[in-house]
Amino acid sequence: MSLPPPHPKIPQQPREKPMQVLALGVSRTGTLSTYTALKMLGYEPYHMAESILNGANGHPKAWGKAVRAKYYGKGKRWEGKDFEKMLWRYDAVTDAPTALFVEELLEAYPDAKVVLSNRDTEKWTQSIMDNFLYFLTGKFRWFYLRIFDPGYGGEWYDMTWSCLNIWSGGDMYNPEAYKKYGIERHNEMVRRLVPKDNLLEFHPSDGWKPLCDFLGKDIPEDNPDFPHINEGDSLKKTLDFALRIRIVISLAEWALWVSPVAAAGGAWWWYTRS
């Protein structure tokens, strides 16, 4: 799955359509497949990939402030209306960072239907460690982008770090910690807060029917097979693509301070290296 170029800077405007779907499952539970399915059903969903592409609109910095306020006591905690800064154009949400703000989003959008994607705890834990921990190492461009561009790459490096810190209870290199503080604890919270008649527990392997029945939608005639995105491979490729573009932009901006020739050569090298 490839993504379009980053979104241009768009000033916040009044919401034109109500928030309809809150897919509040944690990352690595089929959220990219769910995101794709919601788009196929006519929604405009928000996903971590969307927020990365919204760098020009200040989303990384805004989410960083919200996380630091809620989880680390730095600044005023965000209320429901504050999330409109990022979500005003969307009528559905999936994945992190929105999954970190269950209570706030339920308060902000009380009429939205809630979908909770689920997954076997062991497989989820392994996927988190294979993917998210990988993003935090020098094997991934994010590790270096945060140095060149702290306001964008740095914020998203910190966001990924915070997800792991939260879902592991502060012990992110310990698989057993994720089993205690991660998906099961999160899902129990969602079940406690959402009335049963407004909650669908779902995994992409369930196919179209339960999701479409819950949302009152018809199964797409031209896409009868539910989209199953190989998130492990696709997520790395998708983020790598987005971050290559951002690195080029960051190095190009450095051209104002460094030799234009050196900056252009560095940008091309980062973009083309395998």
C-alpha atoms as a PDB file:
ATOM      1  CA  MET A   1       0.000   0.000   0.000  1.00  0.00           C
ATOM      2  CA  SER A   2       1.404   3.366  -1.017  1.00  0.00           C
ATOM      3  CA  LEU A   3       0.347   6.737   0.294  1.00  0.00           C
ATOM      4  CA  PRO A   4      -0.108  10.054  -1.494  1.00  0.00           C
ATOM      5  CA  PRO A   5       2.316  12.925  -0.881  1.00  0.00           C
ATOM      6  CA  PRO A   6       1.985  14.770   2.435  1.00  0.00           C
ATOM      7  CA  HIS A   7      -1.101  16.928   2.769  1.00  0.00           C
ATOM      8  CA  PRO A   8      -0.582  20.650   2.138  1.00  0.00           C
ATOM      9  CA  LYS A   9      -1.118  23.051   4.998  1.00  0.00           C
ATOM     10  CA  ILE A  10      -4.877  23.437   5.432  1.00  0.00           C
ATOM     11  CA  PRO A  11      -6.270  25.846   8.051  1.00  0.00           C
ATOM     12  CA  GLN A  12      -8.765  24.385  10.486  1.00  0.00           C
ATOM     13  CA  GLN A  13     -12.372  24.889   9.456  1.00  0.00           C
ATOM     14  CA  PRO A  14     -15.757  24.106  11.045  1.00  0.00           C
ATOM     15  CA  ARG A  15     -16.720  20.442  10.909  1.00  0.00           C
ATOM     16  CA  GLU A  16     -19.006  19.732   7.944  1.00  0.00           C
ATOM     17  CA  LYS A  17     -19.959  16.141   8.839  1.00  0.00           C
ATOM     18  CA  PRO A  18     -20.332  14.464  12.216  1.00  0.00           C
ATOM     19  CA  MET A  19     -17.887  11.947  13.619  1.00  0.00           C
ATOM     20  CA  GLN A  20     -19.499   8.579  12.884  1.00  0.00           C
ATOM     21  CA  VAL A  21     -17.030   5.820  13.789  1.00  0.00           C
ATOM     22  CA  LEU A  22     -14.505   5.559  16.594  1.00  0.00           C
ATOM     23  CA  ALA A  23     -12.336   2.489  15.929  1.00  0.00           C
ATOM     24  CA  LEU A  24     -10.487   2.464  19.231  1.00  0.00           C
ATOM     25  CA  GLY A  25      -8.409  -0.709  19.078  1.00  0.00           C
ATOM     26  CA  VAL A  26      -4.693  -0.362  19.783  1.00  0.00           C
ATOM     27  CA  SER A  27      -2.140  -0.478  16.984  1.00  0.00           C
ATOM     28  CA  ARG A  28      -1.230  -3.849  15.454  1.00  0.00           C
ATOM     29  CA  THR A  29      -4.804  -5.203  15.610  1.00  0.00           C
ATOM     30  CA  GLY A  30      -5.662  -4.843  11.936  1.00  0.00           C
ATOM     31  CA  THR A  31      -6.080  -1.079  12.137  1.00  0.00           C
ATOM     32  CA  LEU A  32      -4.666  -0.454   8.660  1.00  0.00           C
ATOM     33  CA  SER A  33      -7.101  -2.985   7.184  1.00  0.00           C
ATOM     34  CA  THR A  34      -9.939  -1.352   9.122  1.00  0.00           C
ATOM     35  CA  TYR A  35      -8.842   2.076   7.899  1.00  0.00           C
ATOM     36  CA  THR A  36      -8.882   0.817   4.308  1.00  0.00           C
ATOM     37  CA  ALA A  37     -12.291  -0.816   4.759  1.00  0.00           C
ATOM     38  CA  LEU A  38     -13.804   2.367   6.198  1.00  0.00           C
ATOM     39  CA  LYS A  39     -12.534   4.336   3.205  1.00  0.00           C
ATOM     40  CA  MET A  40     -14.132   1.774   0.898  1.00  0.00           C
ATOM     41  CA  LEU A  41     -17.425   2.265   2.755  1.00  0.00           C
ATOM     42  CA  GLY A  42     -17.333   6.003   2.088  1.00  0.00           C
ATOM     43  CA  TYR A  43     -15.871   7.307   5.342  1.00  0.00           C
ATOM     44  CA  GLU A  44     -12.906   9.652   5.696  1.00  0.00           C
ATOM     45  CA  PRO A  45     -10.922   7.880   8.439  1.00  0.00           C
ATOM     46  CA  TYR A  46      -7.926   9.073  10.425  1.00  0.00           C
ATOM     47  CA  HIS A  47      -4.969   6.743  11.029  1.00  0.00           C
ATOM     48  CA  MET A  48      -1.382   7.171  12.169  1.00  0.00           C
ATOM     49  CA  ALA A  49      -0.419   7.267   8.485  1.00  0.00           C
ATOM     50  CA  GLU A  50      -2.826  10.201   7.957  1.00  0.00           C
ATOM     51  CA  SER A  51      -1.353  12.068  10.888  1.00  0.00           C
ATOM     52  CA  ILE A  52       2.169  11.584   9.566  1.00  0.00           C
ATOM     53  CA  LEU A  53       1.108  13.021   6.207  1.00  0.00           C
ATOM     54  CA  ASN A  54      -0.406  15.988   8.038  1.00  0.00           C
ATOM     55  CA  GLY A  55       2.981  17.222   9.170  1.00  0.00           C
ATOM     56  CA  ALA A  56       2.426  20.545   7.401  1.00  0.00           C
ATOM     57  CA  ASN A  57      -0.737  21.009   9.456  1.00  0.00           C
ATOM     58  CA  GLY A  58       1.054  20.638  12.771  1.00  0.00           C
ATOM     59  CA  HIS A  59      -0.442  17.276  13.724  1.00  0.00           C
ATOM     60  CA  PRO A  60       2.762  15.693  15.117  1.00  0.00           C
ATOM     61  CA  LYS A  61       3.352  18.623  17.440  1.00  0.00           C
ATOM     62  CA  ALA A  62      -0.305  18.783  18.507  1.00  0.00           C
ATOM     63  CA  TRP A  63      -0.510  15.062  19.313  1.00  0.00           C
ATOM     64  CA  GLY A  64       2.758  15.325  21.194  1.00  0.00           C
ATOM     65  CA  LYS A  65       1.296  18.052  23.405  1.00  0.00           C
ATOM     66  CA  ALA A  66      -1.832  15.980  24.038  1.00  0.00           C
ATOM     67  CA  VAL A  67       0.172  12.899  25.028  1.00  0.00           C
ATOM     68  CA  ARG A  68       2.498  14.811  27.327  1.00  0.00           C
ATOM     69  CA  ALA A  69      -0.434  16.513  29.042  1.00  0.00           C
ATOM     70  CA  LYS A  70      -2.423  13.322  29.648  1.00  0.00           C
ATOM     71  CA  TYR A  71       0.274  10.805  30.451  1.00  0.00           C
ATOM     72  CA  TYR A  72       3.120  12.895  31.855  1.00  0.00           C
ATOM     73  CA  GLY A  73       1.291  15.798  33.506  1.00  0.00           C
ATOM     74  CA  LYS A  74       2.983  18.426  31.329  1.00  0.00           C
ATOM     75  CA  GLY A  75       0.460  21.115  30.492  1.00  0.00           C
ATOM     76  CA  LYS A  76      -3.314  21.256  30.544  1.00  0.00           C
ATOM     77  CA  ARG A  77      -5.052  18.006  29.636  1.00  0.00           C
ATOM     78  CA  TRP A  78      -6.876  18.158  26.344  1.00  0.00           C
ATOM     79  CA  GLU A  79     -10.654  18.056  26.282  1.00  0.00           C
ATOM     80  CA  GLY A  80     -12.829  16.674  23.504  1.00  0.00           C
ATOM     81  CA  LYS A  81     -13.068  19.913  21.557  1.00  0.00           C
ATOM     82  CA  ASP A  82      -9.278  20.217  21.437  1.00  0.00           C
ATOM     83  CA  PHE A  83      -9.009  17.176  19.173  1.00  0.00           C
ATOM     84  CA  GLU A  84     -10.916  19.002  16.463  1.00  0.00           C
ATOM     85  CA  LYS A  85      -7.606  20.695  15.662  1.00  0.00           C
ATOM     86  CA  MET A  86      -6.593  17.417  14.037  1.00  0.00           C
ATOM     87  CA  LEU A  87      -9.897  15.637  13.361  1.00  0.00           C
ATOM     88  CA  TRP A  88     -12.199  18.334  11.973  1.00  0.00           C
ATOM     89  CA  ARG A  89     -11.989  16.947   8.403  1.00  0.00           C
ATOM     90  CA  TYR A  90     -12.575  13.287   9.375  1.00  0.00           C
ATOM     91  CA  ASP A  91     -15.672  11.252  10.268  1.00  0.00           C
ATOM     92  CA  ALA A  92     -13.882   8.141  11.561  1.00  0.00           C
ATOM     93  CA  VAL A  93     -10.703   7.362  13.500  1.00  0.00           C
ATOM     94  CA  THR A  94      -8.478   4.299  13.745  1.00  0.00           C
ATOM     95  CA  ASP A  95      -5.144   3.336  15.322  1.00  0.00           C
ATOM     96  CA  ALA A  96      -2.828   5.402  17.510  1.00  0.00           C
ATOM     97  CA  PRO A  97      -2.574   8.189  18.436  1.00  0.00           C
ATOM     98  CA  THR A  98      -6.369   8.353  18.749  1.00  0.00           C
ATOM     99  CA  ALA A  99      -6.413   5.021  20.601  1.00  0.00           C
ATOM    100  CA  LEU A 100      -4.511   6.749  23.418  1.00  0.00           C
ATOM    101  CA  PHE A 101      -7.507   9.042  24.057  1.00  0.00           C
ATOM    102  CA  VAL A 102     -10.483   6.739  24.486  1.00  0.00           C
ATOM    103  CA  GLU A 103     -12.238   8.682  27.236  1.00  0.00           C
ATOM    104  CA  GLU A 104     -11.716  12.042  25.573  1.00  0.00           C
ATOM    105  CA  LEU A 105     -13.003  10.938  22.163  1.00  0.00           C
ATOM    106  CA  LEU A 106     -16.053   9.217  23.651  1.00  0.00           C
ATOM    107  CA  GLU A 107     -16.874  12.480  25.398  1.00  0.00           C
ATOM    108  CA  ALA A 108     -16.263  14.568  22.297  1.00  0.00           C
ATOM    109  CA  TYR A 109     -18.265  12.362  19.921  1.00  0.00           C
ATOM    110  CA  PRO A 110     -20.962  10.618  21.983  1.00  0.00           C
ATOM    111  CA  ASP A 111     -23.101   9.709  18.951  1.00  0.00           C
ATOM    112  CA  ALA A 112     -20.351   7.840  17.105  1.00  0.00           C
ATOM    113  CA  LYS A 113     -20.410   4.055  16.831  1.00  0.00           C
ATOM    114  CA  VAL A 114     -17.464   2.300  18.464  1.00  0.00           C
ATOM    115  CA  VAL A 115     -15.445  -0.498  16.891  1.00  0.00           C
ATOM    116  CA  LEU A 116     -12.890  -2.366  18.990  1.00  0.00           C
ATOM    117  CA  SER A 117     -10.412  -4.371  16.930  1.00  0.00           C
ATOM    118  CA  ASN A 118      -8.932  -7.278  18.832  1.00  0.00           C
ATOM    119  CA  ARG A 119      -6.099  -9.777  18.498  1.00  0.00           C
ATOM    120  CA  ASP A 120      -4.500 -12.666  20.341  1.00  0.00           C
ATOM    121  CA  THR A 121      -2.350 -11.199  23.115  1.00  0.00           C
ATOM    122  CA  GLU A 122       0.746 -13.245  22.299  1.00  0.00           C
ATOM    123  CA  LYS A 123       0.660 -12.342  18.597  1.00  0.00           C
ATOM    124  CA  TRP A 124      -0.041  -8.698  19.374  1.00  0.00           C
ATOM    125  CA  THR A 125       2.894  -8.499  21.764  1.00  0.00           C
ATOM    126  CA  GLN A 126       5.263 -10.032  19.237  1.00  0.00           C
ATOM    127  CA  SER A 127       4.035  -7.688  16.513  1.00  0.00           C
ATOM    128  CA  ILE A 128       4.542  -4.646  18.729  1.00  0.00           C
ATOM    129  CA  MET A 129       8.101  -5.667  19.507  1.00  0.00           C
ATOM    130  CA  ASP A 130       8.916  -6.600  15.903  1.00  0.00           C
ATOM    131  CA  ASN A 131       7.578  -3.331  14.479  1.00  0.00           C
ATOM    132  CA  PHE A 132       7.359  -0.475  16.960  1.00  0.00           C
ATOM    133  CA  LEU A 133      10.636  -1.289  18.694  1.00  0.00           C
ATOM    134  CA  TYR A 134      12.207  -1.489  15.247  1.00  0.00           C
ATOM    135  CA  PHE A 135      11.066   2.082  14.559  1.00  0.00           C
ATOM    136  CA  LEU A 136      13.010   3.299  17.584  1.00  0.00           C
ATOM    137  CA  THR A 137      16.355   1.842  16.487  1.00  0.00           C
ATOM    138  CA  GLY A 138      19.059   3.079  14.146  1.00  0.00           C
ATOM    139  CA  LYS A 139      17.844   0.582  11.545  1.00  0.00           C
ATOM    140  CA  PHE A 140      14.958   2.928  10.724  1.00  0.00           C
ATOM    141  CA  ARG A 141      15.199   6.459   9.269  1.00  0.00           C
ATOM    142  CA  TRP A 142      13.019   7.841  12.047  1.00  0.00           C
ATOM    143  CA  PHE A 143      15.974   7.485  14.408  1.00  0.00           C
ATOM    144  CA  TYR A 144      17.926   9.991  12.303  1.00  0.00           C
ATOM    145  CA  LEU A 145      15.054  12.189  11.187  1.00  0.00           C
ATOM    146  CA  ARG A 146      14.447  13.282  14.769  1.00  0.00           C
ATOM    147  CA  ILE A 147      17.930  14.841  14.739  1.00  0.00           C
ATOM    148  CA  PHE A 148      17.383  16.820  11.529  1.00  0.00           C
ATOM    149  CA  ASP A 149      13.756  17.689  12.222  1.00  0.00           C
ATOM    150  CA  PRO A 150      12.838  17.586  15.933  1.00  0.00           C
ATOM    151  CA  GLY A 151       9.501  19.323  15.348  1.00  0.00           C
ATOM    152  CA  TYR A 152       8.286  16.528  13.057  1.00  0.00           C
ATOM    153  CA  GLY A 153      10.489  13.447  13.226  1.00  0.00           C
ATOM    154  CA  GLY A 154      11.286  14.092  16.857  1.00  0.00           C
ATOM    155  CA  GLU A 155       7.627  14.377  17.809  1.00  0.00           C
ATOM    156  CA  TRP A 156       6.760  11.114  16.059  1.00  0.00           C
ATOM    157  CA  TYR A 157       9.722   9.302  17.510  1.00  0.00           C
ATOM    158  CA  ASP A 158       8.513  10.430  20.934  1.00  0.00           C
ATOM    159  CA  MET A 159       4.942   9.383  20.065  1.00  0.00           C
ATOM    160  CA  THR A 160       6.041   5.861  19.198  1.00  0.00           C
ATOM    161  CA  TRP A 161       8.146   5.730  22.340  1.00  0.00           C
ATOM    162  CA  SER A 162       5.138   6.880  24.405  1.00  0.00           C
ATOM    163  CA  CYS A 163       2.865   4.209  22.905  1.00  0.00           C
ATOM    164  CA  LEU A 164       5.296   1.498  23.942  1.00  0.00           C
ATOM    165  CA  ASN A 165       5.875   3.083  27.321  1.00  0.00           C
ATOM    166  CA  ILE A 166       2.110   3.243  27.993  1.00  0.00           C
ATOM    167  CA  TRP A 167       1.291  -0.235  26.671  1.00  0.00           C
ATOM    168  CA  SER A 168       4.127  -1.817  28.653  1.00  0.00           C
ATOM    169  CA  GLY A 169       3.690   0.063  31.911  1.00  0.00           C
ATOM    170  CA  GLY A 170       7.126   1.610  31.428  1.00  0.00           C
ATOM    171  CA  ASP A 171       8.971  -1.646  30.676  1.00  0.00           C
ATOM    172  CA  MET A 172       8.985  -1.629  26.867  1.00  0.00           C
ATOM    173  CA  TYR A 173      11.713  -4.237  26.330  1.00  0.00           C
ATOM    174  CA  ASN A 174       9.896  -6.835  28.409  1.00  0.00           C
ATOM    175  CA  PRO A 175       7.299  -8.902  26.456  1.00  0.00           C
ATOM    176  CA  GLU A 176       5.510  -9.896  29.651  1.00  0.00           C
ATOM    177  CA  ALA A 177       4.838  -6.241  30.442  1.00  0.00           C
ATOM    178  CA  TYR A 178       2.765  -5.820  27.277  1.00  0.00           C
ATOM    179  CA  LYS A 179       0.627  -8.778  28.270  1.00  0.00           C
ATOM    180  CA  LYS A 180      -0.130  -7.088  31.591  1.00  0.00           C
ATOM    181  CA  TYR A 181      -0.533  -3.446  30.573  1.00  0.00           C
ATOM    182  CA  GLY A 182      -1.306  -3.590  26.856  1.00  0.00           C
ATOM    183  CA  ILE A 183      -4.137  -4.847  24.699  1.00  0.00           C
ATOM    184  CA  GLU A 184      -6.206  -6.652  27.339  1.00  0.00           C
ATOM    185  CA  ARG A 185      -6.155  -3.736  29.754  1.00  0.00           C
ATOM    186  CA  HIS A 186      -7.048  -1.326  26.949  1.00  0.00           C
ATOM    187  CA  ASN A 187      -9.921  -3.471  25.709  1.00  0.00           C
ATOM    188  CA  GLU A 188     -11.343  -3.871  29.205  1.00  0.00           C
ATOM    189  CA  MET A 189     -11.446  -0.073  29.523  1.00  0.00           C
ATOM    190  CA  VAL A 190     -13.315   0.316  26.217  1.00  0.00           C
ATOM    191  CA  ARG A 191     -15.837  -2.372  27.193  1.00  0.00           C
ATOM    192  CA  ARG A 192     -16.414  -0.637  30.520  1.00  0.00           C
ATOM    193  CA  LEU A 193     -17.010   2.779  28.956  1.00  0.00           C
ATOM    194  CA  VAL A 194     -19.073   1.891  25.893  1.00  0.00           C
ATOM    195  CA  PRO A 195     -22.647   0.492  26.055  1.00  0.00           C
ATOM    196  CA  LYS A 196     -22.826  -3.001  24.546  1.00  0.00           C
ATOM    197  CA  ASP A 197     -25.372  -1.964  21.930  1.00  0.00           C
ATOM    198  CA  ASN A 198     -22.956   0.663  20.601  1.00  0.00           C
ATOM    199  CA  LEU A 199     -19.853  -1.533  20.530  1.00  0.00           C
ATOM    200  CA  LEU A 200     -18.613  -3.985  17.914  1.00  0.00           C
ATOM    201  CA  GLU A 201     -15.661  -6.199  18.797  1.00  0.00           C
ATOM    202  CA  PHE A 202     -14.087  -6.988  15.500  1.00  0.00           C
ATOM    203  CA  HIS A 203     -11.057  -8.267  13.614  1.00  0.00           C
ATOM    204  CA  PRO A 204     -10.526  -8.021   9.837  1.00  0.00           C
ATOM    205  CA  SER A 205     -10.565 -11.821   9.665  1.00  0.00           C
ATOM    206  CA  ASP A 206     -14.301 -11.578  10.503  1.00  0.00           C
ATOM    207  CA  GLY A 207     -14.919 -10.120   7.030  1.00  0.00           C
ATOM    208  CA  TRP A 208     -17.359  -7.467   5.849  1.00  0.00           C
ATOM    209  CA  LYS A 209     -20.647  -8.699   7.322  1.00  0.00           C
ATOM    210  CA  PRO A 210     -20.327  -7.850  11.033  1.00  0.00           C
ATOM    211  CA  LEU A 211     -18.811  -4.446  10.286  1.00  0.00           C
ATOM    212  CA  CYS A 212     -21.366  -3.541   7.613  1.00  0.00           C
ATOM    213  CA  ASP A 213     -24.288  -4.780   9.719  1.00  0.00           C
ATOM    214  CA  PHE A 214     -23.090  -2.692  12.659  1.00  0.00           C
ATOM    215  CA  LEU A 215     -22.590   0.452  10.574  1.00  0.00           C
ATOM    216  CA  GLY A 216     -25.724  -0.007   8.467  1.00  0.00           C
ATOM    217  CA  LYS A 217     -23.732  -0.272   5.243  1.00  0.00           C
ATOM    218  CA  ASP A 218     -23.950  -2.622   2.276  1.00  0.00           C
ATOM    219  CA  ILE A 219     -21.026  -4.878   1.458  1.00  0.00           C
ATOM    220  CA  PRO A 220     -19.225  -3.200  -1.474  1.00  0.00           C
ATOM    221  CA  GLU A 221     -20.267  -5.027  -4.638  1.00  0.00           C
ATOM    222  CA  ASP A 222     -17.011  -4.210  -6.386  1.00  0.00           C
ATOM    223  CA  ASN A 223     -14.934  -5.339  -3.372  1.00  0.00           C
ATOM    224  CA  PRO A 224     -16.641  -8.376  -1.840  1.00  0.00           C
ATOM    225  CA  ASP A 225     -13.395  -9.522  -0.209  1.00  0.00           C
ATOM    226  CA  PHE A 226     -12.446  -7.633   2.926  1.00  0.00           C
ATOM    227  CA  PRO A 227      -9.105  -5.829   2.548  1.00  0.00           C
ATOM    228  CA  HIS A 228      -6.404  -7.678   4.455  1.00  0.00           C
ATOM    229  CA  ILE A 229      -3.360  -5.453   4.559  1.00  0.00           C
ATOM    230  CA  ASN A 230      -0.143  -7.164   5.591  1.00  0.00           C
ATOM    231  CA  GLU A 231       0.517  -4.571   8.252  1.00  0.00           C
ATOM    232  CA  GLY A 232       3.893  -5.879   9.329  1.00  0.00           C
ATOM    233  CA  ASP A 233       5.457  -5.311   5.922  1.00  0.00           C
ATOM    234  CA  SER A 234       3.128  -2.512   4.761  1.00  0.00           C
ATOM    235  CA  LEU A 235       3.568  -0.420   7.868  1.00  0.00           C
ATOM    236  CA  LYS A 236       7.349  -0.334   7.518  1.00  0.00           C
ATOM    237  CA  LYS A 237       7.127   0.463   3.802  1.00  0.00           C
ATOM    238  CA  THR A 238       4.436   3.112   4.301  1.00  0.00           C
ATOM    239  CA  LEU A 239       6.260   4.916   7.082  1.00  0.00           C
ATOM    240  CA  ASP A 240       9.564   4.584   5.277  1.00  0.00           C
ATOM    241  CA  PHE A 241       8.022   6.229   2.197  1.00  0.00           C
ATOM    242  CA  ALA A 242       6.555   9.092   4.230  1.00  0.00           C
ATOM    243  CA  LEU A 243       9.776   9.615   6.151  1.00  0.00           C
ATOM    244  CA  ARG A 244      11.921   9.620   3.012  1.00  0.00           C
ATOM    245  CA  ILE A 245       9.848  12.536   1.759  1.00  0.00           C
ATOM    246  CA  ARG A 246      10.140  14.310   5.079  1.00  0.00           C
ATOM    247  CA  ILE A 247      13.903  13.828   5.200  1.00  0.00           C
ATOM    248  CA  VAL A 248      14.205  15.367   1.736  1.00  0.00           C
ATOM    249  CA  ILE A 249      12.149  18.338   2.906  1.00  0.00           C
ATOM    250  CA  SER A 250      14.196  18.706   6.101  1.00  0.00           C
ATOM    251  CA  LEU A 251      17.524  18.572   4.316  1.00  0.00           C
ATOM    252  CA  ALA A 252      16.256  21.003   1.699  1.00  0.00           C
ATOM    253  CA  GLU A 253      15.370  23.424   4.505  1.00  0.00           C
ATOM    254  CA  TRP A 254      18.898  23.025   5.819  1.00  0.00           C
ATOM    255  CA  ALA A 255      20.049  24.432   2.490  1.00  0.00           C
ATOM    256  CA  LEU A 256      19.289  27.873   3.941  1.00  0.00           C
ATOM    257  CA  TRP A 257      22.087  27.319   6.432  1.00  0.00           C
ATOM    258  CA  VAL A 258      24.364  24.875   4.672  1.00  0.00           C
ATOM    259  CA  SER A 259      25.798  24.714   1.176  1.00  0.00           C
ATOM    260  CA  PRO A 260      22.943  24.216  -1.311  1.00  0.00           C
ATOM    261  CA  VAL A 261      24.959  21.670  -3.237  1.00  0.00           C
ATOM    262  CA  ALA A 262      25.768  19.618  -0.131  1.00  0.00           C
ATOM    263  CA  ALA A 263      22.148  19.739   1.067  1.00  0.00           C
ATOM    264  CA  ALA A 264      20.779  18.662  -2.319  1.00  0.00           C
ATOM    265  CA  GLY A 265      23.263  15.805  -2.530  1.00  0.00           C
ATOM    266  CA  GLY A 266      22.386  14.674   0.984  1.00  0.00           C
ATOM    267  CA  ALA A 267      18.677  14.801   0.237  1.00  0.00           C
ATOM    268  CA  TRP A 268      19.095  12.693  -2.889  1.00  0.00           C
ATOM    269  CA  TRP A 269      21.252  10.150  -1.033  1.00  0.00           C
ATOM    270  CA  TRP A 270      18.673   9.740   1.768  1.00  0.00           C
ATOM    271  CA  TYR A 271      15.836   9.324  -0.695  1.00  0.00           C
ATOM    272  CA  THR A 272      17.524   6.751  -2.903  1.00  0.00           C
ATOM    273  CA  ARG A 273      19.380   4.612  -0.357  1.00  0.00           C
ATOM    274  CA  SER A 274      17.745   1.206   0.115  1.00  0.00           C
END
